[in-house]
Amino acid sequence: MAPRGFTRRDLALMHRAARLYYLDDLNQAAIAERLTVSRPTVSRLLAEARRVGIVRITVHDPDTLRVGGDDAARLAAALGVEKVWLAPFAARPLGSMLAEPVGEALREAALGPGDVLLVSSGRTVWEISHEALPAFPGCEIVPTVGGVAEPEAWHQTNEITRALAERMQAHPHFLFTQAMPSPAMRDTLAEDPEFQRVTGFWSRAQAALVGVGAPPAGRESISTSVPLDDEGLRAGAGDVCLNFYRADGGEIAFPGSDRMVRISPDELRKVPRTIAVAVGTEKVPSIVAGARAGLFNRLVTDAPTAQALLEALGGV
């Protein structure tokens, strides 16, 4: 039953505004444009969403949060990955919160001149690419997916690659193609020496920094190449480097998936250190299924997400 005084349409609009603001980090002006309402209306929707309980905000004293080696080790064991790094609490923007544990994970990789770090697209990796990170002079930064002509910056993998290389004093390489090119263009790419050179880095990478996509059906932002009208895809649990998978970790094929420009699951599994970065309870099934698929062997997340993962896995 809807709270008194609100229709189901009112509540649905509150919920959408709240998701865009609190989960997708859009400002109120952008939400107003997306929902075709005024900015004061967005402000009212967010206030009402908090008042009726659609949004519940808790403020924790950092000293009371359980963040430590025991939590990280328990989660690593429960997921079946080699190591987990935890940020102490959830905060926006994500990049500033996650930069330190991501930096620790990258330092462990000890990348030297000529070593290869692969990177994915995605909002979280994009945010991290704008933060201070350890320097690895002479390291090669290589995208794992195509992504030119995407309308949102976090799906432009070349831009993420460039930003990371600038901050890490590394050398960027680029893929000048869409994530899903036409059949004719895909055939041309297969014969292109520059495309072969860049994708050739995938098989000799020492490390990868990748995002974990939420279940496709609930996402507000996804690559324009992904056909969300496909039933199998909409039932998916998430993706890593545009490799979509079910809850059991099984791969999902969809129209056009055979011509996607993306590192393959088998290539990704061969990378010695694949660091997944994911935060938010909505990504719990995506993280669990991605670990089952073996698409990453290290994880950077925050304490609330870690607790939700342990609960989902029966670890608490």
Protein backbone atom coordinates (compact mmCIF):
# COMPACT_ATOMS: atom_id res chain seq x y z
CA MET A 1 0.00 0.00 0.00
CA ALA A 2 1.32 3.46 -0.94
CA PRO A 3 1.93 5.98 1.88
CA ARG A 4 -1.08 8.22 2.49
CA GLY A 5 -1.33 11.13 0.05
CA PHE A 6 0.87 9.60 -2.69
CA THR A 7 -0.05 7.60 -5.75
CA ARG A 8 2.10 4.76 -7.04
CA ARG A 9 3.18 7.11 -9.84
CA ASP A 10 4.35 9.65 -7.24
CA LEU A 11 6.37 6.99 -5.45
CA ALA A 12 7.86 5.67 -8.69
CA LEU A 13 9.03 9.20 -9.57
CA MET A 14 10.54 9.65 -6.09
CA HIS A 15 12.32 6.32 -6.43
CA ARG A 16 13.76 7.17 -9.84
CA ALA A 17 14.92 10.61 -8.69
CA ALA A 18 16.54 9.06 -5.60
CA ARG A 19 18.36 6.40 -7.64
CA LEU A 20 19.72 9.00 -10.04
CA TYR A 21 20.89 11.23 -7.19
CA TYR A 22 22.21 8.77 -4.59
CA LEU A 23 23.34 5.82 -6.74
CA ASP A 24 24.24 7.35 -10.12
CA ASP A 25 25.58 10.61 -8.65
CA LEU A 26 23.69 12.94 -11.01
CA ASN A 27 23.17 16.49 -9.80
CA GLN A 28 19.67 17.94 -9.46
CA ALA A 29 19.87 19.88 -12.73
CA ALA A 30 20.77 16.71 -14.65
CA ILE A 31 17.95 14.77 -12.93
CA ALA A 32 15.47 17.52 -13.80
CA GLU A 33 16.48 17.24 -17.44
CA ARG A 34 16.32 13.43 -17.37
CA LEU A 35 12.84 13.41 -15.77
CA THR A 36 11.59 16.48 -17.67
CA VAL A 37 10.62 18.30 -14.48
CA SER A 38 11.84 21.48 -12.81
CA ARG A 39 14.82 21.57 -10.48
CA PRO A 40 12.63 22.58 -7.48
CA THR A 41 10.48 19.52 -8.24
CA VAL A 42 13.58 17.31 -8.03
CA SER A 43 14.49 18.84 -4.68
CA ARG A 44 10.96 18.15 -3.43
CA LEU A 45 11.02 14.56 -4.74
CA LEU A 46 14.29 13.86 -2.90
CA ALA A 47 12.98 15.38 0.33
CA GLU A 48 9.75 13.34 0.11
CA ALA A 49 11.72 10.18 -0.70
CA ARG A 50 13.61 10.60 2.57
CA ARG A 51 10.46 11.43 4.51
CA VAL A 52 8.47 8.37 3.39
CA GLY A 53 11.40 5.97 3.77
CA ILE A 54 12.38 5.35 0.15
CA VAL A 55 15.77 6.78 1.11
CA ARG A 56 17.28 6.08 4.53
CA ILE A 57 20.55 7.78 5.39
CA THR A 58 22.78 6.68 8.25
CA VAL A 59 25.82 8.53 9.54
CA HIS A 60 28.50 6.41 11.20
CA ASP A 61 31.42 7.41 13.38
CA PRO A 62 34.41 6.02 11.43
CA ASP A 63 35.86 4.66 14.69
CA THR A 64 32.84 2.39 15.11
CA LEU A 65 33.11 0.79 11.68
CA ARG A 66 34.55 -2.72 11.50
CA VAL A 67 37.23 -2.42 8.86
CA GLY A 68 40.31 -4.53 9.12
CA GLY A 69 42.30 -7.46 7.89
CA ASP A 70 39.88 -9.99 9.39
CA ASP A 71 36.92 -8.60 7.41
CA ALA A 72 38.93 -8.45 4.20
CA ALA A 73 40.32 -11.96 4.67
CA ARG A 74 36.89 -13.42 5.46
CA LEU A 75 35.40 -11.84 2.36
CA ALA A 76 38.28 -13.03 0.16
CA ALA A 77 37.76 -16.58 1.41
CA ALA A 78 33.98 -16.40 0.96
CA LEU A 79 34.29 -15.08 -2.62
CA GLY A 80 37.17 -17.37 -3.54
CA VAL A 81 39.48 -14.50 -4.56
CA GLU A 82 43.08 -13.93 -3.53
CA LYS A 83 42.77 -10.62 -1.71
CA VAL A 84 40.29 -7.87 -0.74
CA TRP A 85 40.96 -4.23 0.14
CA LEU A 86 38.31 -2.23 2.02
CA ALA A 87 37.58 1.47 2.16
CA PRO A 88 36.14 2.31 5.60
CA PHE A 89 32.74 3.62 4.54
CA ALA A 90 30.61 4.56 1.55
CA ALA A 91 30.99 8.14 0.34
CA ARG A 92 30.57 10.26 -2.76
CA PRO A 93 32.41 10.77 -4.97
CA LEU A 94 33.52 7.16 -5.14
CA GLY A 95 36.88 7.98 -6.67
CA SER A 96 38.21 9.89 -3.68
CA MET A 97 37.07 7.14 -1.30
CA LEU A 98 38.55 4.28 -3.31
CA ALA A 99 41.78 5.87 -4.52
CA GLU A 100 43.81 4.78 -1.48
CA PRO A 101 42.85 1.06 -1.47
CA VAL A 102 43.11 0.95 -5.28
CA GLY A 103 46.57 2.46 -4.96
CA GLU A 104 47.52 -0.26 -2.46
CA ALA A 105 46.29 -2.96 -4.81
CA LEU A 106 48.24 -1.47 -7.73
CA ARG A 107 51.43 -1.14 -5.65
CA GLU A 108 51.23 -4.84 -4.88
CA ALA A 109 51.36 -5.49 -8.63
CA ALA A 110 54.77 -3.72 -8.68
CA LEU A 111 54.45 -2.70 -12.31
CA GLY A 112 57.68 -1.77 -14.04
CA PRO A 113 58.60 -0.22 -17.40
CA GLY A 114 57.04 -2.23 -20.21
CA ASP A 115 54.57 -4.01 -17.93
CA VAL A 116 50.93 -3.89 -19.04
CA LEU A 117 47.94 -2.69 -16.99
CA LEU A 118 44.55 -3.30 -18.61
CA VAL A 119 41.59 -1.04 -17.77
CA SER A 120 37.85 -1.31 -18.32
CA SER A 121 35.14 1.24 -18.83
CA GLY A 122 32.55 2.04 -16.14
CA ARG A 123 31.59 4.83 -13.78
CA THR A 124 33.73 3.69 -10.84
CA VAL A 125 36.93 3.22 -12.87
CA TRP A 126 36.27 6.57 -14.57
CA GLU A 127 36.03 8.30 -11.18
CA ILE A 128 39.22 6.62 -9.96
CA SER A 129 41.02 7.78 -13.12
CA HIS A 130 40.64 11.38 -11.90
CA GLU A 131 42.30 10.76 -8.52
CA ALA A 132 45.93 10.70 -7.37
CA LEU A 133 47.36 7.22 -7.96
CA PRO A 134 50.81 5.63 -7.64
CA ALA A 135 53.26 6.41 -10.43
CA PHE A 136 54.48 3.56 -12.65
CA PRO A 137 56.76 5.26 -15.20
CA GLY A 138 57.03 3.35 -18.44
CA CYS A 139 54.02 1.12 -17.72
CA GLU A 140 51.67 0.48 -20.67
CA ILE A 141 47.97 1.30 -20.03
CA VAL A 142 45.62 -0.54 -22.41
CA PRO A 143 41.79 -0.52 -22.74
CA THR A 144 39.94 -3.83 -22.63
CA VAL A 145 36.86 -2.71 -24.60
CA GLY A 146 35.93 -0.42 -27.43
CA GLY A 147 33.98 2.68 -26.60
CA VAL A 148 34.26 5.59 -29.02
CA ALA A 149 31.07 7.54 -29.79
CA GLU A 150 29.54 6.76 -26.37
CA PRO A 151 27.51 9.71 -25.00
CA GLU A 152 28.65 9.22 -21.37
CA ALA A 153 32.26 9.82 -20.34
CA TRP A 154 32.52 6.63 -18.25
CA HIS A 155 31.91 4.46 -21.32
CA GLN A 156 34.69 6.23 -23.25
CA THR A 157 37.45 3.77 -22.42
CA ASN A 158 40.12 5.70 -24.33
CA GLU A 159 39.53 8.72 -22.09
CA ILE A 160 39.83 6.57 -18.96
CA THR A 161 43.06 5.12 -20.35
CA ARG A 162 44.46 8.60 -21.08
CA ALA A 163 43.53 9.93 -17.62
CA LEU A 164 45.05 6.95 -15.81
CA ALA A 165 48.25 7.14 -17.86
CA GLU A 166 48.60 10.85 -17.05
CA ARG A 167 48.27 10.25 -13.31
CA MET A 168 50.48 7.17 -13.28
CA GLN A 169 53.19 8.63 -15.58
CA ALA A 170 52.52 5.72 -17.91
CA HIS A 171 52.09 5.27 -21.66
CA PRO A 172 48.51 5.03 -23.01
CA HIS A 173 47.28 2.94 -25.94
CA PHE A 174 43.89 3.38 -27.58
CA LEU A 175 41.18 1.40 -29.38
CA PHE A 176 39.52 3.58 -32.00
CA THR A 177 36.32 1.60 -32.36
CA GLN A 178 32.87 1.20 -30.93
CA ALA A 179 32.16 -1.53 -28.42
CA MET A 180 29.96 -3.24 -31.03
CA PRO A 181 31.05 -2.24 -34.55
CA SER A 182 29.13 -3.22 -37.65
CA PRO A 183 29.95 -6.63 -39.17
CA ALA A 184 31.85 -4.93 -42.00
CA MET A 185 33.90 -2.79 -39.62
CA ARG A 186 34.62 -5.78 -37.36
CA ASP A 187 36.05 -7.65 -40.32
CA THR A 188 38.23 -4.64 -41.16
CA LEU A 189 39.47 -4.37 -37.56
CA ALA A 190 40.58 -7.97 -37.57
CA GLU A 191 43.03 -7.11 -40.37
CA ASP A 192 44.13 -3.74 -38.99
CA PRO A 193 47.76 -3.76 -37.71
CA GLU A 194 47.16 -1.07 -35.07
CA PHE A 195 44.11 -2.88 -33.70
CA GLN A 196 46.11 -6.13 -33.59
CA ARG A 197 48.97 -4.35 -31.82
CA VAL A 198 46.77 -2.91 -29.06
CA THR A 199 44.67 -6.05 -28.49
CA GLY A 200 47.91 -8.05 -28.50
CA PHE A 201 48.70 -6.49 -25.11
CA TRP A 202 45.74 -8.40 -23.60
CA SER A 203 47.54 -11.73 -23.64
CA ARG A 204 50.67 -10.43 -21.87
CA ALA A 205 49.22 -8.15 -19.19
CA GLN A 206 50.55 -8.28 -15.65
CA ALA A 207 47.48 -6.63 -14.08
CA ALA A 208 44.01 -5.28 -14.82
CA LEU A 209 41.79 -2.68 -13.14
CA VAL A 210 38.14 -3.39 -13.94
CA GLY A 211 34.70 -2.32 -12.86
CA VAL A 212 31.84 -4.69 -12.09
CA GLY A 213 28.57 -3.75 -13.75
CA ALA A 214 25.28 -4.08 -11.89
CA PRO A 215 22.48 -6.33 -13.23
CA PRO A 216 21.62 -4.90 -16.68
CA ALA A 217 17.88 -4.67 -16.07
CA GLY A 218 18.31 -2.23 -13.17
CA ARG A 219 20.99 0.04 -14.63
CA GLU A 220 20.41 3.67 -15.50
CA SER A 221 23.66 3.85 -17.49
CA ILE A 222 25.06 1.23 -19.85
CA SER A 223 26.99 1.18 -23.12
CA THR A 224 24.78 2.07 -26.07
CA SER A 225 26.08 -1.08 -27.79
CA VAL A 226 24.27 -3.34 -25.31
CA PRO A 227 20.82 -4.51 -26.54
CA LEU A 228 18.81 -4.25 -23.32
CA ASP A 229 15.69 -5.59 -25.05
CA ASP A 230 17.28 -9.06 -25.11
CA GLU A 231 15.58 -11.24 -22.48
CA GLY A 232 18.67 -13.27 -21.62
CA LEU A 233 20.72 -10.14 -21.10
CA ARG A 234 18.07 -8.51 -18.92
CA ALA A 235 18.13 -11.57 -16.67
CA GLY A 236 21.90 -11.27 -16.25
CA ALA A 237 23.68 -10.67 -12.96
CA GLY A 238 26.29 -8.21 -14.25
CA ASP A 239 29.36 -7.83 -16.42
CA VAL A 240 33.13 -7.33 -16.35
CA CYS A 241 34.61 -5.69 -19.45
CA LEU A 242 31.25 -6.10 -21.22
CA ASN A 243 31.37 -9.87 -20.65
CA PHE A 244 27.88 -10.43 -19.27
CA TYR A 245 27.10 -13.40 -17.04
CA ARG A 246 24.30 -15.16 -15.19
CA ALA A 247 24.06 -15.61 -11.42
CA ASP A 248 25.96 -18.89 -11.71
CA GLY A 249 28.78 -17.15 -13.59
CA GLY A 250 27.83 -18.62 -16.96
CA GLU A 251 28.39 -16.45 -20.03
CA ILE A 252 25.46 -14.72 -21.76
CA ALA A 253 25.35 -14.52 -25.55
CA PHE A 254 23.12 -11.89 -27.14
CA PRO A 255 22.56 -10.43 -30.61
CA GLY A 256 25.87 -8.96 -31.78
CA SER A 257 27.95 -10.35 -28.90
CA ASP A 258 30.14 -12.23 -31.37
CA ARG A 259 31.45 -8.95 -32.79
CA MET A 260 31.93 -7.06 -29.51
CA VAL A 261 35.35 -5.47 -29.07
CA ARG A 262 36.25 -6.73 -25.60
CA ILE A 263 38.80 -8.90 -23.89
CA SER A 264 37.51 -12.46 -23.69
CA PRO A 265 36.76 -14.18 -20.36
CA ASP A 266 39.58 -16.67 -20.99
CA GLU A 267 42.09 -13.87 -21.62
CA LEU A 268 40.91 -12.05 -18.51
CA ARG A 269 41.30 -15.17 -16.36
CA LYS A 270 44.93 -15.47 -17.44
CA VAL A 271 45.87 -12.00 -16.12
CA PRO A 272 47.89 -12.62 -12.92
CA ARG A 273 46.28 -9.77 -10.96
CA THR A 274 42.80 -8.62 -11.97
CA ILE A 275 41.58 -5.98 -9.50
CA ALA A 276 37.80 -5.49 -9.55
CA VAL A 277 36.42 -2.27 -8.07
CA ALA A 278 32.76 -2.27 -7.04
CA VAL A 279 30.67 -0.54 -4.38
CA GLY A 280 26.98 -0.68 -3.47
CA THR A 281 24.49 -3.26 -2.27
CA GLU A 282 22.89 -3.32 -5.73
CA LYS A 283 26.16 -4.84 -6.99
CA VAL A 284 26.27 -7.71 -4.48
CA PRO A 285 24.86 -10.30 -6.94
CA SER A 286 27.14 -8.93 -9.67
CA ILE A 287 30.27 -9.27 -7.51
CA VAL A 288 29.36 -12.77 -6.34
CA ALA A 289 28.61 -14.01 -9.86
CA GLY A 290 31.70 -12.31 -11.31
CA ALA A 291 33.89 -14.06 -8.74
CA ARG A 292 32.19 -17.37 -9.58
CA ALA A 293 33.00 -16.73 -13.25
CA GLY A 294 36.65 -16.17 -12.34
CA LEU A 295 36.72 -12.76 -14.03
CA PHE A 296 38.74 -11.17 -11.21
CA ASN A 297 40.96 -12.47 -8.41
CA ARG A 298 41.18 -9.31 -6.28
CA LEU A 299 38.51 -6.89 -5.06
CA VAL A 300 38.40 -3.31 -3.82
CA THR A 301 35.12 -2.33 -2.13
CA ASP A 302 33.86 -0.55 0.99
CA ALA A 303 32.87 -1.84 4.42
CA PRO A 304 29.06 -1.69 3.95
CA THR A 305 29.29 -3.59 0.65
CA ALA A 306 31.64 -6.11 2.28
CA GLN A 307 29.13 -6.75 5.06
CA ALA A 308 26.31 -7.17 2.52
CA LEU A 309 28.46 -9.62 0.55
CA LEU A 310 29.29 -11.66 3.66
CA GLU A 311 25.62 -11.81 4.58
CA ALA A 312 24.68 -12.92 1.05
CA LEU A 313 27.39 -15.59 1.14
CA GLY A 314 26.48 -16.77 4.64
CA GLY A 315 29.76 -15.51 6.08
CA VAL A 316 28.31 -13.75 9.17
